[in-house]
Each structure stands twice: as C-alpha cells, then as structure tokens.
Amino acid sequence: MLAESTDRFRPLLALALAYQRQYSWHEAARLHEEALQLARTPAKEALVRHHIGRRLFEEARFRDAAAEFEWARDLFRSTSKREGLAQASQQALDRAREMTRKAWEEPGK
C-alpha cells in the first residue's frame, strides 16, 4: 500500500491503525511520527494528533492521550468546517481525563 502510493499520508495512518490492532505500539508510533512529518496543514496535523491520542489511550497512557486530544481539538477548531472533528476530539479528551482521574483514585489498577 505504501510502496504504490503517491501520497503516503493516509496509508501511513491506516497502517499505523493496523499495527495498533496488533498491539505493536512501537511500530504504530513510528508510523504516526512519519505521518506527522508529512502533515503540511493544521487539519492533517490534527488528524494525526487524534490518531496518536487513540493509540496512547489504548496503551492506557491516559494523560498523554489527553494532551494529544487537546492539541487535536485546538487544531481542528483553528481550521474552518472542522467543528465535528473538534467535538470528537473534545469527547475523547474528556474520556481520557476521566480515565486519568480513575487511575489516580484506584491505585494498583
């Protein structure tokens, strides 16, 4: 998929998601970083940040995920016609913060 693509951005995100589903966090992170390097617009950077947040959330790194979702939300808000994506990032941010609180309230879990 990547070898035949003229624009590697979306295929990188798709492949990173496939690695996430296999719990290959390091490979997914590497591909997210490459996609971040290719993001030439705030909207594309926001999309990558949201994907990174999802990976970090799945890794139970809720505080780090919250930071990425917040960044994505702010970038989506700065672009026109992206309010739905900004809202999705806000919802993910709220959930990540909730999970961070729960992790602090329930030590050892």
Protein backbone atom coordinates (compact mmCIF):
# COMPACT_ATOMS: atom_id res chain seq x y z
CA MET A 1 0.00 0.00 0.00
CA LEU A 2 2.76 2.46 0.93
CA ALA A 3 5.04 1.47 -1.92
CA GLU A 4 2.38 2.15 -4.54
CA SER A 5 1.05 5.35 -3.03
CA THR A 6 1.99 8.78 -4.36
CA ASP A 7 0.70 10.38 -1.14
CA ARG A 8 1.86 8.38 1.89
CA PHE A 9 -0.13 10.36 4.48
CA ARG A 10 -3.40 8.38 4.68
CA PRO A 11 -1.80 4.97 4.05
CA LEU A 12 0.58 5.66 6.97
CA LEU A 13 -2.38 6.29 9.28
CA ALA A 14 -4.17 3.17 8.04
CA LEU A 15 -1.06 1.03 8.54
CA ALA A 16 -0.47 2.54 11.98
CA LEU A 17 -4.03 1.59 12.92
CA ALA A 18 -3.38 -1.97 11.75
CA TYR A 19 -0.29 -2.12 14.00
CA GLN A 20 -2.35 -0.73 16.87
CA ARG A 21 -4.87 -3.53 16.45
CA GLN A 22 -1.98 -5.98 16.79
CA TYR A 23 -0.70 -4.16 19.92
CA SER A 24 2.50 -3.25 18.06
CA TRP A 25 2.73 0.12 19.77
CA HIS A 26 6.28 0.92 18.71
CA GLU A 27 5.56 0.36 15.01
CA ALA A 28 2.33 2.35 15.21
CA ALA A 29 4.17 5.20 16.94
CA ARG A 30 6.88 5.18 14.29
CA LEU A 31 4.30 5.47 11.52
CA HIS A 32 2.43 8.20 13.39
CA GLU A 33 5.65 10.19 13.61
CA GLU A 34 6.25 9.77 9.90
CA ALA A 35 2.67 10.92 9.17
CA LEU A 36 3.23 13.90 11.45
CA GLN A 37 6.27 14.85 9.37
CA LEU A 38 4.10 14.76 6.23
CA ALA A 39 1.24 16.77 7.72
CA ARG A 40 1.52 20.08 5.91
CA THR A 41 -1.73 21.62 7.15
CA PRO A 42 -3.26 22.15 10.60
CA ALA A 43 -6.13 19.82 9.63
CA LYS A 44 -3.76 16.99 8.75
CA GLU A 45 -1.69 17.55 11.88
CA ALA A 46 -4.90 17.48 13.93
CA LEU A 47 -5.87 14.18 12.33
CA VAL A 48 -2.51 12.64 13.22
CA ARG A 49 -2.67 14.01 16.77
CA HIS A 50 -6.12 12.47 17.19
CA HIS A 51 -4.79 9.11 15.96
CA ILE A 52 -1.84 9.36 18.34
CA GLY A 53 -4.26 10.10 21.16
CA ARG A 54 -6.25 6.99 20.32
CA ARG A 55 -3.10 4.86 20.38
CA LEU A 56 -1.98 6.31 23.70
CA PHE A 57 -5.46 5.76 25.14
CA GLU A 58 -5.33 2.10 24.07
CA GLU A 59 -1.94 1.86 25.77
CA ALA A 60 -3.61 3.18 28.97
CA ARG A 61 -1.42 6.30 28.80
CA PHE A 62 -4.42 8.49 29.52
CA ARG A 63 -2.62 11.69 30.49
CA ASP A 64 -0.53 11.62 27.30
CA ALA A 65 -3.64 10.78 25.28
CA ALA A 66 -5.48 13.75 26.81
CA ALA A 67 -2.68 16.08 25.73
CA GLU A 68 -2.85 14.81 22.13
CA PHE A 69 -6.65 15.06 22.03
CA GLU A 70 -6.46 18.61 23.37
CA TRP A 71 -3.91 19.52 20.72
CA ALA A 72 -6.06 17.91 18.00
CA ARG A 73 -9.16 19.73 19.23
CA ASP A 74 -7.43 23.08 19.14
CA LEU A 75 -6.03 22.45 15.66
CA PHE A 76 -9.40 21.29 14.36
CA ARG A 77 -11.02 24.41 15.81
CA SER A 78 -8.48 26.59 14.04
CA THR A 79 -9.48 25.15 10.67
CA SER A 80 -12.75 26.05 9.05
CA LYS A 81 -15.56 23.49 8.83
CA ARG A 82 -13.94 21.04 11.27
CA GLU A 83 -16.24 21.53 14.26
CA GLY A 84 -17.47 17.92 14.18
CA LEU A 85 -13.89 16.67 14.39
CA ALA A 86 -13.14 19.19 17.14
CA GLN A 87 -16.12 17.83 19.08
CA ALA A 88 -14.92 14.24 18.62
CA SER A 89 -11.50 15.25 19.98
CA GLN A 90 -13.18 17.03 22.90
CA GLN A 91 -15.18 13.91 23.75
CA ALA A 92 -12.03 11.79 23.59
CA LEU A 93 -10.23 14.38 25.75
CA ASP A 94 -12.99 14.22 28.35
CA ARG A 95 -12.83 10.42 28.43
CA ALA A 96 -9.04 10.40 28.74
CA ARG A 97 -9.23 12.86 31.64
CA GLU A 98 -11.90 10.72 33.30
CA MET A 99 -9.70 7.64 32.97
CA THR A 100 -6.73 9.58 34.39
CA ARG A 101 -8.82 10.50 37.44
CA LYS A 102 -9.96 6.90 37.88
CA ALA A 103 -6.40 5.65 37.64
CA TRP A 104 -5.39 8.02 40.46
CA GLU A 105 -8.41 7.11 42.57
CA GLU A 106 -7.88 3.37 42.19
CA PRO A 107 -4.16 2.73 42.76
CA GLY A 108 -2.92 -0.63 41.57
CA LYS A 109 -5.49 -0.91 38.79
